[in-house]
Amino acid sequence: MGRRRNLWPGIGLSAWSLGLEASSVIGLRTLKIAAGGPAAAAESELMVREKVQTALALQTLAMTGALGFTAAGATSKTLAHYRRKVRANRRRLAKV
């Protein structure tokens, strides 16, 4: 039986990166919503819709076994799932 590589340090780094990106999205969204107007209302609606859709998509992945069958695998794939969404929002909101 070969040695298994410890995946948790990389998972921790991925979680930390997700936190940084998420905090930048929170800041950008806060600025957009604070400005008010139709763009703020649209951003608020988009934010809620995306959160619900992303959570439902993750539940589907979990129920179909697409997240894997180990704690490390499921955690890693969950973080990747959310990082894709957060990264897309950061790019979209950073455009001026």
C-alpha atoms as a PDB file:
ATOM      1  CA  MET A   1       0.000   0.000   0.000  1.00  0.00           C
ATOM      2  CA  GLY A   2       1.496   3.332  -1.086  1.00  0.00           C
ATOM      3  CA  ARG A   3       1.619   6.525   0.894  1.00  0.00           C
ATOM      4  CA  ARG A   4      -1.295   8.824   0.442  1.00  0.00           C
ATOM      5  CA  ARG A   5      -0.777  12.497  -0.077  1.00  0.00           C
ATOM      6  CA  ASN A   6      -2.371  14.839   2.469  1.00  0.00           C
ATOM      7  CA  LEU A   7      -4.834  16.980   0.485  1.00  0.00           C
ATOM      8  CA  TRP A   8      -5.939  19.171   3.390  1.00  0.00           C
ATOM      9  CA  PRO A   9      -3.225  21.865   3.192  1.00  0.00           C
ATOM     10  CA  GLY A  10      -4.219  22.542  -0.429  1.00  0.00           C
ATOM     11  CA  ILE A  11      -7.889  22.513   0.516  1.00  0.00           C
ATOM     12  CA  GLY A  12      -7.153  25.024   3.272  1.00  0.00           C
ATOM     13  CA  LEU A  13      -5.380  27.291   0.791  1.00  0.00           C
ATOM     14  CA  SER A  14      -8.310  26.993  -1.595  1.00  0.00           C
ATOM     15  CA  ALA A  15     -10.748  27.921   1.196  1.00  0.00           C
ATOM     16  CA  TRP A  16      -8.585  30.903   2.125  1.00  0.00           C
ATOM     17  CA  SER A  17      -8.498  32.054  -1.522  1.00  0.00           C
ATOM     18  CA  LEU A  18     -12.264  31.681  -1.768  1.00  0.00           C
ATOM     19  CA  GLY A  19     -12.632  33.851   1.326  1.00  0.00           C
ATOM     20  CA  LEU A  20     -10.456  36.579  -0.177  1.00  0.00           C
ATOM     21  CA  GLU A  21     -12.329  36.566  -3.470  1.00  0.00           C
ATOM     22  CA  ALA A  22     -15.692  36.476  -1.708  1.00  0.00           C
ATOM     23  CA  SER A  23     -14.783  39.475   0.429  1.00  0.00           C
ATOM     24  CA  SER A  24     -13.862  41.456  -2.673  1.00  0.00           C
ATOM     25  CA  VAL A  25     -17.203  40.504  -4.260  1.00  0.00           C
ATOM     26  CA  ILE A  26     -18.999  41.610  -1.095  1.00  0.00           C
ATOM     27  CA  GLY A  27     -17.244  44.966  -1.258  1.00  0.00           C
ATOM     28  CA  LEU A  28     -17.964  45.478  -4.943  1.00  0.00           C
ATOM     29  CA  ARG A  29     -21.608  44.479  -4.527  1.00  0.00           C
ATOM     30  CA  THR A  30     -21.990  46.741  -1.515  1.00  0.00           C
ATOM     31  CA  LEU A  31     -20.745  49.701  -3.535  1.00  0.00           C
ATOM     32  CA  LYS A  32     -23.082  48.908  -6.409  1.00  0.00           C
ATOM     33  CA  ILE A  33     -26.122  48.411  -4.185  1.00  0.00           C
ATOM     34  CA  ALA A  34     -25.308  51.499  -2.079  1.00  0.00           C
ATOM     35  CA  ALA A  35     -25.366  53.617  -5.234  1.00  0.00           C
ATOM     36  CA  GLY A  36     -29.076  52.817  -5.536  1.00  0.00           C
ATOM     37  CA  GLY A  37     -31.250  52.947  -8.606  1.00  0.00           C
ATOM     38  CA  PRO A  38     -32.244  50.266 -11.088  1.00  0.00           C
ATOM     39  CA  ALA A  39     -28.722  48.808 -11.237  1.00  0.00           C
ATOM     40  CA  ALA A  40     -28.759  48.248  -7.473  1.00  0.00           C
ATOM     41  CA  ALA A  41     -32.143  46.531  -7.596  1.00  0.00           C
ATOM     42  CA  ALA A  42     -30.996  44.320 -10.476  1.00  0.00           C
ATOM     43  CA  GLU A  43     -27.784  43.391  -8.628  1.00  0.00           C
ATOM     44  CA  SER A  44     -29.724  42.508  -5.480  1.00  0.00           C
ATOM     45  CA  GLU A  45     -32.104  40.278  -7.419  1.00  0.00           C
ATOM     46  CA  LEU A  46     -29.219  38.655  -9.300  1.00  0.00           C
ATOM     47  CA  MET A  47     -27.349  38.024  -6.052  1.00  0.00           C
ATOM     48  CA  VAL A  48     -30.264  36.199  -4.431  1.00  0.00           C
ATOM     49  CA  ARG A  49     -31.056  34.213  -7.586  1.00  0.00           C
ATOM     50  CA  GLU A  50     -27.405  33.141  -7.987  1.00  0.00           C
ATOM     51  CA  LYS A  51     -27.132  32.047  -4.360  1.00  0.00           C
ATOM     52  CA  VAL A  52     -30.230  29.859  -4.626  1.00  0.00           C
ATOM     53  CA  GLN A  53     -29.189  28.378  -7.987  1.00  0.00           C
ATOM     54  CA  THR A  54     -25.652  27.669  -6.813  1.00  0.00           C
ATOM     55  CA  ALA A  55     -26.836  25.980  -3.618  1.00  0.00           C
ATOM     56  CA  LEU A  56     -29.333  23.831  -5.526  1.00  0.00           C
ATOM     57  CA  ALA A  57     -26.685  22.863  -8.069  1.00  0.00           C
ATOM     58  CA  LEU A  58     -24.345  21.833  -5.258  1.00  0.00           C
ATOM     59  CA  GLN A  59     -27.081  19.720  -3.656  1.00  0.00           C
ATOM     60  CA  THR A  60     -27.630  17.998  -6.988  1.00  0.00           C
ATOM     61  CA  LEU A  61     -23.914  17.264  -7.275  1.00  0.00           C
ATOM     62  CA  ALA A  62     -23.906  15.839  -3.757  1.00  0.00           C
ATOM     63  CA  MET A  63     -26.956  13.634  -4.345  1.00  0.00           C
ATOM     64  CA  THR A  64     -25.579  12.225  -7.602  1.00  0.00           C
ATOM     65  CA  GLY A  65     -22.171  11.440  -6.117  1.00  0.00           C
ATOM     66  CA  ALA A  66     -20.421  13.970  -8.352  1.00  0.00           C
ATOM     67  CA  LEU A  67     -18.615  15.453  -5.345  1.00  0.00           C
ATOM     68  CA  GLY A  68     -16.870  12.166  -4.660  1.00  0.00           C
ATOM     69  CA  PHE A  69     -16.973   9.820  -1.732  1.00  0.00           C
ATOM     70  CA  THR A  70     -14.234  11.096   0.544  1.00  0.00           C
ATOM     71  CA  ALA A  71     -14.305  14.109   2.818  1.00  0.00           C
ATOM     72  CA  ALA A  72     -11.296  15.668   1.100  1.00  0.00           C
ATOM     73  CA  GLY A  73     -12.710  15.079  -2.375  1.00  0.00           C
ATOM     74  CA  ALA A  74     -16.137  16.461  -1.539  1.00  0.00           C
ATOM     75  CA  THR A  75     -14.630  19.489   0.193  1.00  0.00           C
ATOM     76  CA  SER A  76     -12.290  20.201  -2.683  1.00  0.00           C
ATOM     77  CA  LYS A  77     -15.034  19.937  -5.295  1.00  0.00           C
ATOM     78  CA  THR A  78     -17.404  22.062  -3.201  1.00  0.00           C
ATOM     79  CA  LEU A  79     -14.807  24.809  -2.911  1.00  0.00           C
ATOM     80  CA  ALA A  80     -14.134  24.633  -6.662  1.00  0.00           C
ATOM     81  CA  HIS A  81     -17.875  24.899  -7.333  1.00  0.00           C
ATOM     82  CA  TYR A  82     -18.167  28.087  -5.285  1.00  0.00           C
ATOM     83  CA  ARG A  83     -14.864  29.554  -6.471  1.00  0.00           C
ATOM     84  CA  ARG A  84     -16.026  29.430 -10.104  1.00  0.00           C
ATOM     85  CA  LYS A  85     -19.155  31.387  -9.211  1.00  0.00           C
ATOM     86  CA  VAL A  86     -17.360  33.894  -6.992  1.00  0.00           C
ATOM     87  CA  ARG A  87     -14.592  34.451  -9.576  1.00  0.00           C
ATOM     88  CA  ALA A  88     -17.164  35.120 -12.304  1.00  0.00           C
ATOM     89  CA  ASN A  89     -18.912  37.659 -10.090  1.00  0.00           C
ATOM     90  CA  ARG A  90     -15.641  39.372  -9.186  1.00  0.00           C
ATOM     91  CA  ARG A  91     -14.734  39.736 -12.862  1.00  0.00           C
ATOM     92  CA  ARG A  92     -18.178  41.024 -13.773  1.00  0.00           C
ATOM     93  CA  LEU A  93     -18.378  43.506 -10.902  1.00  0.00           C
ATOM     94  CA  ALA A  94     -14.807  44.785 -11.373  1.00  0.00           C
ATOM     95  CA  LYS A  95     -15.605  45.979 -14.891  1.00  0.00           C
ATOM     96  CA  VAL A  96     -16.292  49.676 -14.892  1.00  0.00           C
END
